[in-house]
């Protein structure tokens, strides 16, 4: 492997690591949101907020010269996972452990 390719790959590896840590931080916050929603009796999903976030991310992607379709799919994957976590928290609150 030549030095140019190695440097590109090192940059990609660094970016991937940053993405993983950012996602971890995001999920820490969404877990708190889910716990709050469960205690407050709020639904796990908020379709209005989700559509606003998708539209916002599509605009950001466009500004960054990133395919908005890709960014929407990426966000949708994350949102679906967050909702799954929130639903689990809701069921945990509904059925407290002994």
C-alpha atoms as a PDB file:
ATOM      1  CA  UNK A   1       0.000   0.000   0.000  1.00  0.00           C
ATOM      2  CA  UNK A   2       1.364   3.421  -0.867  1.00  0.00           C
ATOM      3  CA  UNK A   3       1.663   6.365   1.537  1.00  0.00           C
ATOM      4  CA  UNK A   4      -1.186   8.330  -0.060  1.00  0.00           C
ATOM      5  CA  UNK A   5      -3.681   5.500   0.318  1.00  0.00           C
ATOM      6  CA  UNK A   6      -2.472   4.826   3.867  1.00  0.00           C
ATOM      7  CA  UNK A   7      -3.007   8.491   4.788  1.00  0.00           C
ATOM      8  CA  UNK A   8      -6.525   8.483   3.326  1.00  0.00           C
ATOM      9  CA  UNK A   9      -7.369   5.313   5.217  1.00  0.00           C
ATOM     10  CA  UNK A  10      -6.008   6.738   8.456  1.00  0.00           C
ATOM     11  CA  UNK A  11      -8.254   9.782   7.998  1.00  0.00           C
ATOM     12  CA  UNK A  12     -11.238   7.529   7.333  1.00  0.00           C
ATOM     13  CA  UNK A  13     -10.445   5.497  10.458  1.00  0.00           C
ATOM     14  CA  UNK A  14     -10.278   8.678  12.540  1.00  0.00           C
ATOM     15  CA  UNK A  15     -13.576   9.922  11.147  1.00  0.00           C
ATOM     16  CA  UNK A  16     -15.219   6.548  11.797  1.00  0.00           C
ATOM     17  CA  UNK A  17     -14.003   6.642  15.406  1.00  0.00           C
ATOM     18  CA  UNK A  18     -15.414  10.146  15.831  1.00  0.00           C
ATOM     19  CA  UNK A  19     -18.758   9.013  14.387  1.00  0.00           C
ATOM     20  CA  UNK A  20     -18.939   6.115  16.830  1.00  0.00           C
ATOM     21  CA  UNK A  21     -18.237   8.381  19.800  1.00  0.00           C
ATOM     22  CA  UNK A  22     -20.759  10.968  18.584  1.00  0.00           C
ATOM     23  CA  UNK A  23     -23.409   8.284  18.176  1.00  0.00           C
ATOM     24  CA  UNK A  24     -22.646   6.993  21.673  1.00  0.00           C
ATOM     25  CA  UNK A  25     -23.140  10.499  23.079  1.00  0.00           C
ATOM     26  CA  UNK A  26     -26.344  10.928  21.113  1.00  0.00           C
ATOM     27  CA  UNK A  27     -27.732   7.657  22.441  1.00  0.00           C
ATOM     28  CA  UNK A  28     -26.828   8.617  26.031  1.00  0.00           C
ATOM     29  CA  UNK A  29     -29.036  11.686  25.631  1.00  0.00           C
ATOM     30  CA  UNK A  30     -31.854   9.840  23.863  1.00  0.00           C
ATOM     31  CA  UNK A  31     -31.852   7.260  26.683  1.00  0.00           C
ATOM     32  CA  UNK A  32     -32.479  10.137  29.097  1.00  0.00           C
ATOM     33  CA  UNK A  33     -35.265  11.402  26.836  1.00  0.00           C
ATOM     34  CA  UNK A  34     -36.772   7.911  26.773  1.00  0.00           C
ATOM     35  CA  UNK A  35     -36.650   7.596  30.555  1.00  0.00           C
ATOM     36  CA  UNK A  36     -38.292  11.010  30.900  1.00  0.00           C
ATOM     37  CA  UNK A  37     -41.003  10.096  28.397  1.00  0.00           C
ATOM     38  CA  UNK A  38     -41.680   6.810  30.181  1.00  0.00           C
ATOM     39  CA  UNK A  39     -42.034   8.504  33.581  1.00  0.00           C
ATOM     40  CA  UNK A  40     -44.172  11.299  32.127  1.00  0.00           C
ATOM     41  CA  UNK A  41     -46.410   8.882  30.234  1.00  0.00           C
ATOM     42  CA  UNK A  42     -45.434  10.339  26.868  1.00  0.00           C
ATOM     43  CA  UNK A  43     -45.413   8.174  23.736  1.00  0.00           C
ATOM     44  CA  UNK A  44     -42.061   6.708  22.625  1.00  0.00           C
ATOM     45  CA  UNK A  45     -42.364   8.210  19.144  1.00  0.00           C
ATOM     46  CA  UNK A  46     -43.024  11.805  18.123  1.00  0.00           C
ATOM     47  CA  UNK A  47     -43.801  11.777  14.381  1.00  0.00           C
ATOM     48  CA  UNK A  48     -43.955  15.588  14.203  1.00  0.00           C
ATOM     49  CA  UNK A  49     -40.486  15.975  15.749  1.00  0.00           C
ATOM     50  CA  UNK A  50     -39.153  13.187  13.528  1.00  0.00           C
ATOM     51  CA  UNK A  51     -40.379  14.834  10.341  1.00  0.00           C
ATOM     52  CA  UNK A  52     -38.901  18.164  11.454  1.00  0.00           C
ATOM     53  CA  UNK A  53     -35.558  16.483  12.140  1.00  0.00           C
ATOM     54  CA  UNK A  54     -35.562  14.692   8.785  1.00  0.00           C
ATOM     55  CA  UNK A  55     -36.274  17.951   6.956  1.00  0.00           C
ATOM     56  CA  UNK A  56     -33.567  19.736   8.969  1.00  0.00           C
ATOM     57  CA  UNK A  57     -31.006  17.037   8.301  1.00  0.00           C
ATOM     58  CA  UNK A  58     -31.845  16.994   4.586  1.00  0.00           C
ATOM     59  CA  UNK A  59     -31.178  20.744   4.449  1.00  0.00           C
ATOM     60  CA  UNK A  60     -27.889  20.319   6.307  1.00  0.00           C
ATOM     61  CA  UNK A  61     -26.888  17.498   3.985  1.00  0.00           C
ATOM     62  CA  UNK A  62     -27.641  19.606   0.953  1.00  0.00           C
ATOM     63  CA  UNK A  63     -25.544  22.460   2.360  1.00  0.00           C
ATOM     64  CA  UNK A  64     -22.701  20.000   2.971  1.00  0.00           C
ATOM     65  CA  UNK A  65     -22.956  18.495  -0.529  1.00  0.00           C
ATOM     66  CA  UNK A  66     -24.086  15.174   0.930  1.00  0.00           C
ATOM     67  CA  UNK A  67     -26.895  13.195  -0.680  1.00  0.00           C
ATOM     68  CA  UNK A  68     -30.080  14.153   1.235  1.00  0.00           C
ATOM     69  CA  UNK A  69     -31.572  10.713   0.529  1.00  0.00           C
ATOM     70  CA  UNK A  70     -28.602   9.074   2.223  1.00  0.00           C
ATOM     71  CA  UNK A  71     -28.808  11.419   5.203  1.00  0.00           C
ATOM     72  CA  UNK A  72     -32.526  10.707   5.583  1.00  0.00           C
ATOM     73  CA  UNK A  73     -31.951   6.944   5.511  1.00  0.00           C
ATOM     74  CA  UNK A  74     -29.171   7.319   8.060  1.00  0.00           C
ATOM     75  CA  UNK A  75     -31.329   9.434  10.383  1.00  0.00           C
ATOM     76  CA  UNK A  76     -34.322   7.134   9.924  1.00  0.00           C
ATOM     77  CA  UNK A  77     -32.166   4.187  11.020  1.00  0.00           C
ATOM     78  CA  UNK A  78     -31.113   6.092  14.145  1.00  0.00           C
ATOM     79  CA  UNK A  79     -34.656   7.279  14.915  1.00  0.00           C
ATOM     80  CA  UNK A  80     -36.021   3.745  14.587  1.00  0.00           C
ATOM     81  CA  UNK A  81     -33.386   2.474  17.013  1.00  0.00           C
ATOM     82  CA  UNK A  82     -34.140   5.280  19.481  1.00  0.00           C
ATOM     83  CA  UNK A  83     -37.867   4.502  19.330  1.00  0.00           C
ATOM     84  CA  UNK A  84     -37.109   0.830  19.958  1.00  0.00           C
ATOM     85  CA  UNK A  85     -35.132   1.843  23.073  1.00  0.00           C
ATOM     86  CA  UNK A  86     -37.934   4.158  24.208  1.00  0.00           C
ATOM     87  CA  UNK A  87     -40.511   1.405  23.772  1.00  0.00           C
ATOM     88  CA  UNK A  88     -38.373  -0.890  25.921  1.00  0.00           C
ATOM     89  CA  UNK A  89     -38.158   1.809  28.610  1.00  0.00           C
ATOM     90  CA  UNK A  90     -41.945   2.241  28.457  1.00  0.00           C
ATOM     91  CA  UNK A  91     -42.474  -1.466  29.040  1.00  0.00           C
ATOM     92  CA  UNK A  92     -39.921  -1.443  31.893  1.00  0.00           C
ATOM     93  CA  UNK A  93     -41.879   1.344  33.612  1.00  0.00           C
ATOM     94  CA  UNK A  94     -45.188  -0.437  33.011  1.00  0.00           C
ATOM     95  CA  UNK A  95     -43.834  -3.690  34.488  1.00  0.00           C
ATOM     96  CA  UNK A  96     -41.490  -2.789  37.337  1.00  0.00           C
ATOM     97  CA  UNK A  97     -38.950  -5.413  38.334  1.00  0.00           C
ATOM     98  CA  UNK A  98     -39.505  -7.168  41.668  1.00  0.00           C
END
